């Protein structure tokens, strides 16, 4: 049975579902930007990715984004401002 995050994800229009996955896959898009635009926090995005990707692809993605400064606003340099503007991403 899918968790609540996956159910919320499934209620999004197909193009927004695709955009969530694309943003999660991008190295420079922080989880906070996904939360601002789609209401899915980091644990929700992880659950969605676990459900949407093949197991090996999910493991590679998790290994790549875990602890990555560009995926977490609190860890990134203050010089980087990408991902803070909610209108930056087309809907």
PDB file of N, CA and C in Angstrom:
ATOM      1  N   UNK A   1       0.850  -1.185   0.000  1.00  0.00           N
ATOM      2  CA  UNK A   1       0.000   0.000   0.000  1.00  0.00           C
ATOM      3  C   UNK A   1       0.896   1.248   0.000  1.00  0.00           C
ATOM      4  N   UNK A   2       0.701   2.149  -0.985  1.00  0.00           N
ATOM      5  CA  UNK A   2       1.517   3.358  -1.051  1.00  0.00           C
ATOM      6  C   UNK A   2       1.278   4.276   0.146  1.00  0.00           C
ATOM      7  N   UNK A   3       2.314   4.973   0.506  1.00  0.00           N
ATOM      8  CA  UNK A   3       2.222   5.911   1.623  1.00  0.00           C
ATOM      9  C   UNK A   3       1.516   7.188   1.189  1.00  0.00           C
ATOM     10  N   UNK A   4       1.211   8.037   2.150  1.00  0.00           N
ATOM     11  CA  UNK A   4       0.465   9.278   1.895  1.00  0.00           C
ATOM     12  C   UNK A   4       1.178  10.164   0.876  1.00  0.00           C
ATOM     13  N   UNK A   5       2.495  10.235   0.932  1.00  0.00           N
ATOM     14  CA  UNK A   5       3.252  11.087   0.001  1.00  0.00           C
ATOM     15  C   UNK A   5       3.056  10.615  -1.435  1.00  0.00           C
ATOM     16  N   UNK A   6       3.063   9.302  -1.627  1.00  0.00           N
ATOM     17  CA  UNK A   6       2.880   8.755  -2.974  1.00  0.00           C
ATOM     18  C   UNK A   6       1.453   9.030  -3.449  1.00  0.00           C
ATOM     19  N   UNK A   7       0.490   8.927  -2.561  1.00  0.00           N
ATOM     20  CA  UNK A   7      -0.896   9.224  -2.926  1.00  0.00           C
ATOM     21  C   UNK A   7      -1.057  10.690  -3.326  1.00  0.00           C
ATOM     22  N   UNK A   8      -0.434  11.600  -2.557  1.00  0.00           N
ATOM     23  CA  UNK A   8      -0.477  13.030  -2.918  1.00  0.00           C
ATOM     24  C   UNK A   8       0.179  13.262  -4.265  1.00  0.00           C
ATOM     25  N   UNK A   9       1.311  12.591  -4.497  1.00  0.00           N
ATOM     26  CA  UNK A   9       2.029  12.696  -5.758  1.00  0.00           C
ATOM     27  C   UNK A   9       1.140  12.236  -6.907  1.00  0.00           C
ATOM     28  N   UNK A  10       0.445  11.147  -6.722  1.00  0.00           N
ATOM     29  CA  UNK A  10      -0.425  10.600  -7.783  1.00  0.00           C
ATOM     30  C   UNK A  10      -1.598  11.532  -8.109  1.00  0.00           C
ATOM     31  N   UNK A  11      -1.998  12.373  -7.166  1.00  0.00           N
ATOM     32  CA  UNK A  11      -3.088  13.305  -7.419  1.00  0.00           C
ATOM     33  C   UNK A  11      -2.638  14.520  -8.240  1.00  0.00           C
ATOM     34  N   UNK A  12      -1.320  14.712  -8.358  1.00  0.00           N
ATOM     35  CA  UNK A  12      -0.814  15.814  -9.175  1.00  0.00           C
ATOM     36  C   UNK A  12      -1.049  15.503 -10.653  1.00  0.00           C
ATOM     37  N   UNK A  13      -1.231  16.533 -11.483  1.00  0.00           N
ATOM     38  CA  UNK A  13      -1.309  16.298 -12.931  1.00  0.00           C
ATOM     39  C   UNK A  13      -0.017  15.621 -13.417  1.00  0.00           C
ATOM     40  N   UNK A  14      -0.116  14.870 -14.485  1.00  0.00           N
ATOM     41  CA  UNK A  14       1.021  14.099 -14.988  1.00  0.00           C
ATOM     42  C   UNK A  14       2.253  14.962 -15.267  1.00  0.00           C
ATOM     43  N   UNK A  15       2.044  16.151 -15.806  1.00  0.00           N
ATOM     44  CA  UNK A  15       3.202  17.010 -16.105  1.00  0.00           C
ATOM     45  C   UNK A  15       3.883  17.477 -14.817  1.00  0.00           C
ATOM     46  N   UNK A  16       3.114  17.693 -13.755  1.00  0.00           N
ATOM     47  CA  UNK A  16       3.715  18.087 -12.475  1.00  0.00           C
ATOM     48  C   UNK A  16       4.431  16.900 -11.827  1.00  0.00           C
ATOM     49  N   UNK A  17       3.902  15.699 -11.993  1.00  0.00           N
ATOM     50  CA  UNK A  17       4.588  14.505 -11.496  1.00  0.00           C
ATOM     51  C   UNK A  17       5.954  14.393 -12.157  1.00  0.00           C
ATOM     52  N   UNK A  18       5.964  14.600 -13.462  1.00  0.00           N
ATOM     53  CA  UNK A  18       7.220  14.539 -14.215  1.00  0.00           C
ATOM     54  C   UNK A  18       8.195  15.607 -13.727  1.00  0.00           C
ATOM     55  N   UNK A  19       7.680  16.798 -13.448  1.00  0.00           N
ATOM     56  CA  UNK A  19       8.535  17.906 -12.990  1.00  0.00           C
ATOM     57  C   UNK A  19       9.121  17.617 -11.606  1.00  0.00           C
ATOM     58  N   UNK A  20       8.328  17.013 -10.710  1.00  0.00           N
ATOM     59  CA  UNK A  20       8.838  16.654  -9.379  1.00  0.00           C
ATOM     60  C   UNK A  20      10.017  15.705  -9.519  1.00  0.00           C
ATOM     61  N   UNK A  21       9.867  14.686 -10.340  1.00  0.00           N
ATOM     62  CA  UNK A  21      10.948  13.708 -10.530  1.00  0.00           C
ATOM     63  C   UNK A  21      12.162  14.379 -11.168  1.00  0.00           C
ATOM     64  N   UNK A  22      11.923  15.231 -12.147  1.00  0.00           N
ATOM     65  CA  UNK A  22      13.021  15.947 -12.801  1.00  0.00           C
ATOM     66  C   UNK A  22      13.777  16.822 -11.801  1.00  0.00           C
ATOM     67  N   UNK A  23      13.036  17.560 -10.976  1.00  0.00           N
ATOM     68  CA  UNK A  23      13.675  18.431  -9.987  1.00  0.00           C
ATOM     69  C   UNK A  23      14.436  17.619  -8.945  1.00  0.00           C
ATOM     70  N   UNK A  24      13.893  16.481  -8.543  1.00  0.00           N
ATOM     71  CA  UNK A  24      14.576  15.621  -7.572  1.00  0.00           C
ATOM     72  C   UNK A  24      15.857  15.061  -8.184  1.00  0.00           C
ATOM     73  N   UNK A  25      15.834  14.774  -9.457  1.00  0.00           N
ATOM     74  CA  UNK A  25      16.993  14.190 -10.127  1.00  0.00           C
ATOM     75  C   UNK A  25      18.094  15.221 -10.337  1.00  0.00           C
ATOM     76  N   UNK A  26      17.710  16.493 -10.527  1.00  0.00           N
ATOM     77  CA  UNK A  26      18.700  17.552 -10.759  1.00  0.00           C
ATOM     78  C   UNK A  26      19.548  17.764  -9.506  1.00  0.00           C
ATOM     79  N   UNK A  27      20.832  17.875  -9.696  1.00  0.00           N
ATOM     80  CA  UNK A  27      21.738  18.065  -8.565  1.00  0.00           C
ATOM     81  C   UNK A  27      21.606  19.441  -7.921  1.00  0.00           C
ATOM     82  N   UNK A  28      21.273  20.450  -8.682  1.00  0.00           N
ATOM     83  CA  UNK A  28      21.292  21.813  -8.163  1.00  0.00           C
ATOM     84  C   UNK A  28      19.946  22.295  -7.624  1.00  0.00           C
ATOM     85  N   UNK A  29      18.911  21.504  -7.732  1.00  0.00           N
ATOM     86  CA  UNK A  29      17.603  21.921  -7.226  1.00  0.00           C
ATOM     87  C   UNK A  29      17.431  21.401  -5.805  1.00  0.00           C
ATOM     88  N   UNK A  30      17.316  22.292  -4.825  1.00  0.00           N
ATOM     89  CA  UNK A  30      17.185  21.838  -3.435  1.00  0.00           C
ATOM     90  C   UNK A  30      15.803  21.248  -3.162  1.00  0.00           C
ATOM     91  N   UNK A  31      15.751  20.371  -2.173  1.00  0.00           N
ATOM     92  CA  UNK A  31      14.482  19.772  -1.780  1.00  0.00           C
ATOM     93  C   UNK A  31      13.485  20.836  -1.341  1.00  0.00           C
ATOM     94  N   UNK A  32      13.973  21.931  -0.785  1.00  0.00           N
ATOM     95  CA  UNK A  32      13.099  23.005  -0.331  1.00  0.00           C
ATOM     96  C   UNK A  32      12.324  23.632  -1.489  1.00  0.00           C
ATOM     97  N   UNK A  33      12.928  23.683  -2.681  1.00  0.00           N
ATOM     98  CA  UNK A  33      12.230  24.224  -3.851  1.00  0.00           C
ATOM     99  C   UNK A  33      11.065  23.308  -4.244  1.00  0.00           C
ATOM    100  N   UNK A  34      11.275  22.009  -4.142  1.00  0.00           N
ATOM    101  CA  UNK A  34      10.208  21.052  -4.453  1.00  0.00           C
ATOM    102  C   UNK A  34       9.081  21.201  -3.436  1.00  0.00           C
ATOM    103  N   UNK A  35       9.455  21.390  -2.183  1.00  0.00           N
ATOM    104  CA  UNK A  35       8.443  21.559  -1.144  1.00  0.00           C
ATOM    105  C   UNK A  35       7.640  22.844  -1.354  1.00  0.00           C
ATOM    106  N   UNK A  36       8.314  23.909  -1.741  1.00  0.00           N
ATOM    107  CA  UNK A  36       7.639  25.183  -1.979  1.00  0.00           C
ATOM    108  C   UNK A  36       6.632  25.072  -3.126  1.00  0.00           C
ATOM    109  N   UNK A  37       7.034  24.404  -4.195  1.00  0.00           N
ATOM    110  CA  UNK A  37       6.177  24.332  -5.378  1.00  0.00           C
ATOM    111  C   UNK A  37       5.092  23.258  -5.294  1.00  0.00           C
ATOM    112  N   UNK A  38       5.423  22.118  -4.687  1.00  0.00           N
ATOM    113  CA  UNK A  38       4.508  20.976  -4.755  1.00  0.00           C
ATOM    114  C   UNK A  38       4.054  20.455  -3.395  1.00  0.00           C
ATOM    115  N   UNK A  39       4.582  21.016  -2.310  1.00  0.00           N
ATOM    116  CA  UNK A  39       4.163  20.587  -0.980  1.00  0.00           C
ATOM    117  C   UNK A  39       4.697  19.237  -0.570  1.00  0.00           C
ATOM    118  N   UNK A  40       5.758  18.773  -1.214  1.00  0.00           N
ATOM    119  CA  UNK A  40       6.381  17.491  -0.875  1.00  0.00           C
ATOM    120  C   UNK A  40       7.748  17.755  -0.254  1.00  0.00           C
ATOM    121  N   UNK A  41       7.893  17.481   1.033  1.00  0.00           N
ATOM    122  CA  UNK A  41       9.164  17.669   1.721  1.00  0.00           C
ATOM    123  C   UNK A  41      10.172  16.596   1.320  1.00  0.00           C
ATOM    124  N   UNK A  42      11.371  16.713   1.828  1.00  0.00           N
ATOM    125  CA  UNK A  42      12.428  15.760   1.474  1.00  0.00           C
ATOM    126  C   UNK A  42      12.026  14.305   1.735  1.00  0.00           C
ATOM    127  N   UNK A  43      11.485  13.955   2.903  1.00  0.00           N
ATOM    128  CA  UNK A  43      11.085  12.555   3.114  1.00  0.00           C
ATOM    129  C   UNK A  43      10.008  12.101   2.121  1.00  0.00           C
ATOM    130  N   UNK A  44       9.112  13.022   1.750  1.00  0.00           N
ATOM    131  CA  UNK A  44       8.077  12.693   0.772  1.00  0.00           C
ATOM    132  C   UNK A  44       8.690  12.433  -0.597  1.00  0.00           C
ATOM    133  N   UNK A  45       9.635  13.278  -0.999  1.00  0.00           N
ATOM    134  CA  UNK A  45      10.297  13.120  -2.294  1.00  0.00           C
ATOM    135  C   UNK A  45      11.060  11.799  -2.320  1.00  0.00           C
ATOM    136  N   UNK A  46      11.720  11.464  -1.231  1.00  0.00           N
ATOM    137  CA  UNK A  46      12.448  10.189  -1.163  1.00  0.00           C
ATOM    138  C   UNK A  46      11.480   9.026  -1.348  1.00  0.00           C
ATOM    139  N   UNK A  47      10.337   9.095  -0.693  1.00  0.00           N
ATOM    140  CA  UNK A  47       9.340   8.028  -0.819  1.00  0.00           C
ATOM    141  C   UNK A  47       8.798   7.938  -2.246  1.00  0.00           C
ATOM    142  N   UNK A  48       8.544   9.088  -2.860  1.00  0.00           N
ATOM    143  CA  UNK A  48       8.065   9.112  -4.249  1.00  0.00           C
ATOM    144  C   UNK A  48       9.115   8.508  -5.174  1.00  0.00           C
ATOM    145  N   UNK A  49      10.363   8.912  -4.999  1.00  0.00           N
ATOM    146  CA  UNK A  49      11.426   8.390  -5.856  1.00  0.00           C
ATOM    147  C   UNK A  49      11.596   6.875  -5.651  1.00  0.00           C
ATOM    148  N   UNK A  50      11.468   6.423  -4.421  1.00  0.00           N
ATOM    149  CA  UNK A  50      11.560   4.988  -4.134  1.00  0.00           C
ATOM    150  C   UNK A  50      10.462   4.236  -4.894  1.00  0.00           C
ATOM    151  N   UNK A  51       9.298   4.851  -4.965  1.00  0.00           N
ATOM    152  CA  UNK A  51       8.155   4.213  -5.610  1.00  0.00           C
ATOM    153  C   UNK A  51       8.230   4.306  -7.137  1.00  0.00           C
ATOM    154  N   UNK A  52       8.789   5.389  -7.661  1.00  0.00           N
ATOM    155  CA  UNK A  52       8.777   5.636  -9.100  1.00  0.00           C
ATOM    156  C   UNK A  52       9.977   5.047  -9.850  1.00  0.00           C
ATOM    157  N   UNK A  53      11.119   4.929  -9.170  1.00  0.00           N
ATOM    158  CA  UNK A  53      12.330   4.448  -9.836  1.00  0.00           C
ATOM    159  C   UNK A  53      12.515   2.946  -9.636  1.00  0.00           C
ATOM    160  N   UNK A  54      13.284   2.365 -10.527  1.00  0.00           N
ATOM    161  CA  UNK A  54      13.697   0.974 -10.333  1.00  0.00           C
ATOM    162  C   UNK A  54      14.602   0.933  -9.106  1.00  0.00           C
ATOM    163  N   UNK A  55      14.666  -0.196  -8.399  1.00  0.00           N
ATOM    164  CA  UNK A  55      15.475  -0.261  -7.168  1.00  0.00           C
ATOM    165  C   UNK A  55      16.929   0.181  -7.356  1.00  0.00           C
ATOM    166  N   UNK A  56      17.570  -0.258  -8.423  1.00  0.00           N
ATOM    167  CA  UNK A  56      18.979   0.125  -8.631  1.00  0.00           C
ATOM    168  C   UNK A  56      19.104   1.627  -8.911  1.00  0.00           C
ATOM    169  N   UNK A  57      18.176   2.170  -9.671  1.00  0.00           N
ATOM    170  CA  UNK A  57      18.201   3.607  -9.965  1.00  0.00           C
ATOM    171  C   UNK A  57      17.965   4.414  -8.695  1.00  0.00           C
ATOM    172  N   UNK A  58      17.052   3.940  -7.839  1.00  0.00           N
ATOM    173  CA  UNK A  58      16.802   4.630  -6.582  1.00  0.00           C
ATOM    174  C   UNK A  58      18.048   4.623  -5.710  1.00  0.00           C
ATOM    175  N   UNK A  59      18.722   3.491  -5.607  1.00  0.00           N
ATOM    176  CA  UNK A  59      19.939   3.412  -4.788  1.00  0.00           C
ATOM    177  C   UNK A  59      21.013   4.371  -5.309  1.00  0.00           C
ATOM    178  N   UNK A  60      21.191   4.446  -6.622  1.00  0.00           N
ATOM    179  CA  UNK A  60      22.171   5.376  -7.196  1.00  0.00           C
ATOM    180  C   UNK A  60      21.790   6.827  -6.906  1.00  0.00           C
ATOM    181  N   UNK A  61      20.510   7.139  -7.037  1.00  0.00           N
ATOM    182  CA  UNK A  61      20.047   8.502  -6.766  1.00  0.00           C
ATOM    183  C   UNK A  61      20.273   8.867  -5.305  1.00  0.00           C
ATOM    184  N   UNK A  62      19.909   7.974  -4.386  1.00  0.00           N
ATOM    185  CA  UNK A  62      20.087   8.252  -2.952  1.00  0.00           C
ATOM    186  C   UNK A  62      21.558   8.430  -2.605  1.00  0.00           C
ATOM    187  N   UNK A  63      22.394   7.595  -3.184  1.00  0.00           N
ATOM    188  CA  UNK A  63      23.827   7.708  -2.916  1.00  0.00           C
ATOM    189  C   UNK A  63      24.345   9.066  -3.393  1.00  0.00           C
ATOM    190  N   UNK A  64      23.843   9.521  -4.547  1.00  0.00           N
ATOM    191  CA  UNK A  64      24.307  10.778  -5.117  1.00  0.00           C
ATOM    192  C   UNK A  64      23.814  11.988  -4.328  1.00  0.00           C
ATOM    193  N   UNK A  65      22.562  11.986  -3.871  1.00  0.00           N
ATOM    194  CA  UNK A  65      22.017  13.182  -3.233  1.00  0.00           C
ATOM    195  C   UNK A  65      22.218  13.239  -1.723  1.00  0.00           C
ATOM    196  N   UNK A  66      22.558  12.128  -1.100  1.00  0.00           N
ATOM    197  CA  UNK A  66      22.732  12.121   0.351  1.00  0.00           C
ATOM    198  C   UNK A  66      23.896  13.026   0.746  1.00  0.00           C
ATOM    199  N   UNK A  67      23.584  14.034   1.525  1.00  0.00           N
ATOM    200  CA  UNK A  67      24.615  14.947   2.003  1.00  0.00           C
ATOM    201  C   UNK A  67      25.115  15.946   0.984  1.00  0.00           C
ATOM    202  N   UNK A  68      24.560  15.929  -0.210  1.00  0.00           N
ATOM    203  CA  UNK A  68      24.991  16.863  -1.259  1.00  0.00           C
ATOM    204  C   UNK A  68      24.549  18.272  -0.888  1.00  0.00           C
ATOM    205  N   UNK A  69      25.484  19.176  -0.812  1.00  0.00           N
ATOM    206  CA  UNK A  69      25.190  20.547  -0.378  1.00  0.00           C
ATOM    207  C   UNK A  69      24.185  21.235  -1.290  1.00  0.00           C
ATOM    208  N   UNK A  70      24.212  20.936  -2.581  1.00  0.00           N
ATOM    209  CA  UNK A  70      23.308  21.624  -3.498  1.00  0.00           C
ATOM    210  C   UNK A  70      21.868  21.145  -3.376  1.00  0.00           C
ATOM    211  N   UNK A  71      21.625  20.008  -2.750  1.00  0.00           N
ATOM    212  CA  UNK A  71      20.261  19.503  -2.576  1.00  0.00           C
ATOM    213  C   UNK A  71      19.646  19.955  -1.258  1.00  0.00           C
ATOM    214  N   UNK A  72      20.427  20.576  -0.405  1.00  0.00           N
ATOM    215  CA  UNK A  72      19.943  21.008   0.904  1.00  0.00           C
ATOM    216  C   UNK A  72      20.306  22.475   1.095  1.00  0.00           C
ATOM    217  N   UNK A  73      19.317  23.319   1.190  1.00  0.00           N
ATOM    218  CA  UNK A  73      19.548  24.757   1.297  1.00  0.00           C
ATOM    219  C   UNK A  73      20.458  25.106   2.470  1.00  0.00           C
ATOM    220  N   UNK A  74      20.304  24.418   3.585  1.00  0.00           N
ATOM    221  CA  UNK A  74      21.113  24.728   4.766  1.00  0.00           C
ATOM    222  C   UNK A  74      22.591  24.405   4.556  1.00  0.00           C
ATOM    223  N   UNK A  75      22.902  23.506   3.638  1.00  0.00           N
ATOM    224  CA  UNK A  75      24.291  23.111   3.406  1.00  0.00           C
ATOM    225  C   UNK A  75      24.965  23.888   2.280  1.00  0.00           C
ATOM    226  N   UNK A  76      24.188  24.570   1.479  1.00  0.00           N
ATOM    227  CA  UNK A  76      24.791  25.215   0.312  1.00  0.00           C
ATOM    228  C   UNK A  76      25.373  26.579   0.658  1.00  0.00           C
ATOM    229  N   UNK A  77      26.257  27.012  -0.196  1.00  0.00           N
ATOM    230  CA  UNK A  77      26.920  28.298  -0.020  1.00  0.00           C
ATOM    231  C   UNK A  77      25.898  29.425  -0.103  1.00  0.00           C
ATOM    232  N   UNK A  78      26.059  30.478   0.695  1.00  0.00           N
ATOM    233  CA  UNK A  78      25.131  31.615   0.611  1.00  0.00           C
ATOM    234  C   UNK A  78      25.223  32.340  -0.728  1.00  0.00           C
ATOM    235  N   UNK A  79      26.270  32.069  -1.504  1.00  0.00           N
ATOM    236  CA  UNK A  79      26.431  32.693  -2.818  1.00  0.00           C
ATOM    237  C   UNK A  79      25.477  32.105  -3.847  1.00  0.00           C
ATOM    238  N   UNK A  80      24.927  30.917  -3.582  1.00  0.00           N
ATOM    239  CA  UNK A  80      24.037  30.250  -4.518  1.00  0.00           C
ATOM    240  C   UNK A  80      22.611  30.628  -4.170  1.00  0.00           C
ATOM    241  N   UNK A  81      21.908  31.211  -5.130  1.00  0.00           N
ATOM    242  CA  UNK A  81      20.535  31.628  -4.853  1.00  0.00           C
ATOM    243  C   UNK A  81      19.512  30.820  -5.640  1.00  0.00           C
ATOM    244  N   UNK A  82      19.951  29.897  -6.458  1.00  0.00           N
ATOM    245  CA  UNK A  82      19.027  29.105  -7.269  1.00  0.00           C
ATOM    246  C   UNK A  82      18.120  28.269  -6.377  1.00  0.00           C
ATOM    247  N   UNK A  83      16.861  28.212  -6.736  1.00  0.00           N
ATOM    248  CA  UNK A  83      15.920  27.369  -6.017  1.00  0.00           C
ATOM    249  C   UNK A  83      15.110  28.089  -4.969  1.00  0.00           C
ATOM    250  N   UNK A  84      15.343  29.364  -4.757  1.00  0.00           N
ATOM    251  CA  UNK A  84      14.604  30.087  -3.736  1.00  0.00           C
ATOM    252  C   UNK A  84      13.377  30.791  -4.296  1.00  0.00           C
ATOM    253  N   UNK A  85      13.341  31.069  -5.571  1.00  0.00           N
ATOM    254  CA  UNK A  85      12.255  31.823  -6.168  1.00  0.00           C
ATOM    255  C   UNK A  85      11.167  30.871  -6.652  1.00  0.00           C
ATOM    256  N   UNK A  86       9.963  30.933  -6.070  1.00  0.00           N
ATOM    257  CA  UNK A  86       8.908  30.007  -6.474  1.00  0.00           C
ATOM    258  C   UNK A  86       8.469  30.182  -7.920  1.00  0.00           C
ATOM    259  N   UNK A  87       8.718  31.345  -8.528  1.00  0.00           N
ATOM    260  CA  UNK A  87       8.320  31.544  -9.914  1.00  0.00           C
ATOM    261  C   UNK A  87       9.403  31.123 -10.889  1.00  0.00           C
ATOM    262  N   UNK A  88      10.524  30.658 -10.387  1.00  0.00           N
ATOM    263  CA  UNK A  88      11.627  30.258 -11.245  1.00  0.00           C
ATOM    264  C   UNK A  88      11.253  29.055 -12.112  1.00  0.00           C
ATOM    265  N   UNK A  89      10.452  28.162 -11.567  1.00  0.00           N
ATOM    266  CA  UNK A  89      10.103  26.933 -12.271  1.00  0.00           C
ATOM    267  C   UNK A  89       8.733  27.071 -12.902  1.00  0.00           C
ATOM    268  N   UNK A  90       8.664  26.717 -14.174  1.00  0.00           N
ATOM    269  CA  UNK A  90       7.392  26.815 -14.871  1.00  0.00           C
ATOM    270  C   UNK A  90       6.435  25.760 -14.366  1.00  0.00           C
ATOM    271  N   UNK A  91       5.204  26.097 -14.301  1.00  0.00           N
ATOM    272  CA  UNK A  91       4.182  25.144 -13.872  1.00  0.00           C
ATOM    273  C   UNK A  91       3.254  24.818 -14.998  1.00  0.00           C
TER     274      UNK A  91
END
